Amino acid sequence: MELLKRLEQEVDELLDWQAQSQAPNLSQFEDEILAARKEISIAMLEELLQGEEQREPVEAPRCGKCGRPMEGKGKQPQVLETRVGTLRLERDYYYCSHCKAGVFPPGSTVSDP
């Protein structure tokens, strides 16, 4: 599982940091742990969201503006800002050529400029 590899990598990096540091204080330990926690949280959220899409495929949605069926454009990269950090995912993308609007179901509407 990719998530376990990521967790092992973060732990290895923490141990390497500790071995190379000259008598780190509590604040330095906290900073390193918090940085690792953020990376692990992002990896967990990415894994869970990707799993949700595979578990429950989305039917082609209708445009929220005009109601027409949207055209599937395949998997596209998407960047999401979340409370745990920036996620980079590949998700199914749908587009309405009439309204020039796209959506990454179940949400995240994107409009062309």
C-alpha atoms as a PDB file:
ATOM      1  CA  MET A   1       0.000   0.000   0.000  1.00  0.00           C
ATOM      2  CA  GLU A   2       1.351   3.396  -1.036  1.00  0.00           C
ATOM      3  CA  LEU A   3       0.247   5.037   2.208  1.00  0.00           C
ATOM      4  CA  LEU A   4       2.366   2.709   4.345  1.00  0.00           C
ATOM      5  CA  LYS A   5       5.412   3.447   2.192  1.00  0.00           C
ATOM      6  CA  ARG A   6       4.810   7.168   2.683  1.00  0.00           C
ATOM      7  CA  LEU A   7       4.511   6.720   6.450  1.00  0.00           C
ATOM      8  CA  GLU A   8       7.736   4.690   6.572  1.00  0.00           C
ATOM      9  CA  GLN A   9       9.493   7.387   4.531  1.00  0.00           C
ATOM     10  CA  GLU A  10       8.385  10.125   6.948  1.00  0.00           C
ATOM     11  CA  VAL A  11       9.541   8.084   9.961  1.00  0.00           C
ATOM     12  CA  ASP A  12      12.901   7.386   8.283  1.00  0.00           C
ATOM     13  CA  GLU A  13      13.342  11.101   7.562  1.00  0.00           C
ATOM     14  CA  LEU A  14      12.567  11.952  11.212  1.00  0.00           C
ATOM     15  CA  LEU A  15      15.100   9.408  12.444  1.00  0.00           C
ATOM     16  CA  ASP A  16      17.722  10.700   9.987  1.00  0.00           C
ATOM     17  CA  TRP A  17      17.060  14.257  11.158  1.00  0.00           C
ATOM     18  CA  GLN A  18      17.432  13.202  14.796  1.00  0.00           C
ATOM     19  CA  ALA A  19      20.711  11.369  14.078  1.00  0.00           C
ATOM     20  CA  GLN A  20      22.165  14.395  12.268  1.00  0.00           C
ATOM     21  CA  SER A  21      20.982  17.050  14.736  1.00  0.00           C
ATOM     22  CA  GLN A  22      23.211  18.346  17.485  1.00  0.00           C
ATOM     23  CA  ALA A  23      21.201  18.108  20.714  1.00  0.00           C
ATOM     24  CA  PRO A  24      17.824  19.292  19.349  1.00  0.00           C
ATOM     25  CA  ASN A  25      15.535  20.973  21.825  1.00  0.00           C
ATOM     26  CA  LEU A  26      11.838  20.273  22.398  1.00  0.00           C
ATOM     27  CA  SER A  27      10.700  22.997  19.997  1.00  0.00           C
ATOM     28  CA  GLN A  28      12.833  21.561  17.219  1.00  0.00           C
ATOM     29  CA  PHE A  29      11.409  18.086  17.854  1.00  0.00           C
ATOM     30  CA  GLU A  30       7.899  19.558  17.769  1.00  0.00           C
ATOM     31  CA  ASP A  31       8.566  21.378  14.497  1.00  0.00           C
ATOM     32  CA  GLU A  32       9.810  18.205  12.821  1.00  0.00           C
ATOM     33  CA  ILE A  33       6.901  16.121  14.145  1.00  0.00           C
ATOM     34  CA  LEU A  34       4.340  18.724  13.016  1.00  0.00           C
ATOM     35  CA  ALA A  35       5.860  18.873   9.524  1.00  0.00           C
ATOM     36  CA  ALA A  36       5.786  15.071   9.276  1.00  0.00           C
ATOM     37  CA  ARG A  37       2.216  14.981  10.574  1.00  0.00           C
ATOM     38  CA  LYS A  38       1.143  17.398   7.844  1.00  0.00           C
ATOM     39  CA  GLU A  39       2.732  15.265   5.105  1.00  0.00           C
ATOM     40  CA  ILE A  40       1.159  12.090   6.503  1.00  0.00           C
ATOM     41  CA  SER A  41      -2.258  13.781   6.784  1.00  0.00           C
ATOM     42  CA  ILE A  42      -2.105  14.928   3.162  1.00  0.00           C
ATOM     43  CA  ALA A  43      -1.123  11.424   1.994  1.00  0.00           C
ATOM     44  CA  MET A  44      -3.970   9.870   3.991  1.00  0.00           C
ATOM     45  CA  LEU A  45      -6.551  12.284   2.616  1.00  0.00           C
ATOM     46  CA  GLU A  46      -5.353  11.778  -0.977  1.00  0.00           C
ATOM     47  CA  GLU A  47      -5.551   8.003  -0.570  1.00  0.00           C
ATOM     48  CA  LEU A  48      -9.034   8.124   0.947  1.00  0.00           C
ATOM     49  CA  LEU A  49     -10.416  10.479  -1.705  1.00  0.00           C
ATOM     50  CA  GLN A  50      -8.983   8.414  -4.561  1.00  0.00           C
ATOM     51  CA  GLY A  51     -10.504   5.310  -2.968  1.00  0.00           C
ATOM     52  CA  GLU A  52     -13.928   6.932  -2.717  1.00  0.00           C
ATOM     53  CA  GLU A  53     -14.012   7.726  -6.417  1.00  0.00           C
ATOM     54  CA  GLN A  54     -13.082   4.155  -7.311  1.00  0.00           C
ATOM     55  CA  ARG A  55     -15.599   2.711  -4.858  1.00  0.00           C
ATOM     56  CA  GLU A  56     -18.523   4.815  -6.061  1.00  0.00           C
ATOM     57  CA  PRO A  57     -18.115   5.866  -9.697  1.00  0.00           C
ATOM     58  CA  VAL A  58     -19.953   9.056 -10.582  1.00  0.00           C
ATOM     59  CA  GLU A  59     -22.586   9.185 -13.307  1.00  0.00           C
ATOM     60  CA  ALA A  60     -22.109  11.944 -15.874  1.00  0.00           C
ATOM     61  CA  PRO A  61     -23.614  15.001 -14.198  1.00  0.00           C
ATOM     62  CA  ARG A  62     -25.887  17.630 -15.683  1.00  0.00           C
ATOM     63  CA  CYS A  63     -24.668  21.202 -15.909  1.00  0.00           C
ATOM     64  CA  GLY A  64     -25.659  23.244 -12.865  1.00  0.00           C
ATOM     65  CA  LYS A  65     -26.303  26.283 -15.081  1.00  0.00           C
ATOM     66  CA  CYS A  66     -28.196  24.962 -18.117  1.00  0.00           C
ATOM     67  CA  GLY A  67     -29.165  21.420 -17.110  1.00  0.00           C
ATOM     68  CA  ARG A  68     -27.598  19.786 -20.186  1.00  0.00           C
ATOM     69  CA  PRO A  69     -25.630  16.552 -19.806  1.00  0.00           C
ATOM     70  CA  MET A  70     -21.935  17.224 -19.340  1.00  0.00           C
ATOM     71  CA  GLU A  71     -19.271  15.528 -21.451  1.00  0.00           C
ATOM     72  CA  GLY A  72     -16.705  13.305 -19.741  1.00  0.00           C
ATOM     73  CA  LYS A  73     -13.122  14.442 -20.356  1.00  0.00           C
ATOM     74  CA  GLY A  74     -11.424  11.581 -18.516  1.00  0.00           C
ATOM     75  CA  LYS A  75      -9.151  11.863 -15.521  1.00  0.00           C
ATOM     76  CA  GLN A  76      -7.606  15.287 -15.064  1.00  0.00           C
ATOM     77  CA  PRO A  77      -5.279  16.679 -12.389  1.00  0.00           C
ATOM     78  CA  GLN A  78      -6.921  18.754  -9.693  1.00  0.00           C
ATOM     79  CA  VAL A  79      -5.385  20.782  -6.872  1.00  0.00           C
ATOM     80  CA  LEU A  80      -7.475  21.200  -3.724  1.00  0.00           C
ATOM     81  CA  GLU A  81      -6.700  23.452  -0.770  1.00  0.00           C
ATOM     82  CA  THR A  82      -7.852  21.694   2.398  1.00  0.00           C
ATOM     83  CA  ARG A  83      -7.457  22.188   6.128  1.00  0.00           C
ATOM     84  CA  VAL A  84      -4.602  19.652   6.159  1.00  0.00           C
ATOM     85  CA  GLY A  85      -2.791  21.117   3.151  1.00  0.00           C
ATOM     86  CA  THR A  86      -2.669  21.126  -0.630  1.00  0.00           C
ATOM     87  CA  LEU A  87      -3.850  17.932  -2.313  1.00  0.00           C
ATOM     88  CA  ARG A  88      -2.986  16.893  -5.850  1.00  0.00           C
ATOM     89  CA  LEU A  89      -5.435  14.381  -7.272  1.00  0.00           C
ATOM     90  CA  GLU A  90      -6.473  12.894 -10.588  1.00  0.00           C
ATOM     91  CA  ARG A  91     -10.250  12.807 -10.844  1.00  0.00           C
ATOM     92  CA  ASP A  92     -12.921  12.410 -13.494  1.00  0.00           C
ATOM     93  CA  TYR A  93     -13.677  15.760 -15.113  1.00  0.00           C
ATOM     94  CA  TYR A  94     -16.876  16.754 -16.923  1.00  0.00           C
ATOM     95  CA  TYR A  95     -17.406  19.786 -19.144  1.00  0.00           C
ATOM     96  CA  CYS A  96     -20.404  21.710 -20.525  1.00  0.00           C
ATOM     97  CA  SER A  97     -19.444  23.187 -23.888  1.00  0.00           C
ATOM     98  CA  HIS A  98     -22.559  25.387 -23.835  1.00  0.00           C
ATOM     99  CA  CYS A  99     -21.811  27.125 -20.515  1.00  0.00           C
ATOM    100  CA  LYS A 100     -18.028  26.650 -20.616  1.00  0.00           C
ATOM    101  CA  ALA A 101     -18.135  25.172 -17.121  1.00  0.00           C
ATOM    102  CA  GLY A 102     -16.474  22.058 -15.767  1.00  0.00           C
ATOM    103  CA  VAL A 103     -16.883  19.973 -12.666  1.00  0.00           C
ATOM    104  CA  PHE A 104     -14.899  17.388 -10.719  1.00  0.00           C
ATOM    105  CA  PRO A 105     -17.731  15.348  -9.117  1.00  0.00           C
ATOM    106  CA  PRO A 106     -19.025  15.392  -6.534  1.00  0.00           C
ATOM    107  CA  GLY A 107     -18.220  19.111  -6.456  1.00  0.00           C
ATOM    108  CA  SER A 108     -15.477  21.579  -7.305  1.00  0.00           C
ATOM    109  CA  THR A 109     -17.036  23.480 -10.201  1.00  0.00           C
ATOM    110  CA  VAL A 110     -14.562  25.219 -12.526  1.00  0.00           C
ATOM    111  CA  SER A 111     -15.507  27.866 -15.082  1.00  0.00           C
ATOM    112  CA  ASP A 112     -13.472  28.864 -18.111  1.00  0.00           C
ATOM    113  CA  PRO A 113     -12.419  32.535 -18.135  1.00  0.00           C
END
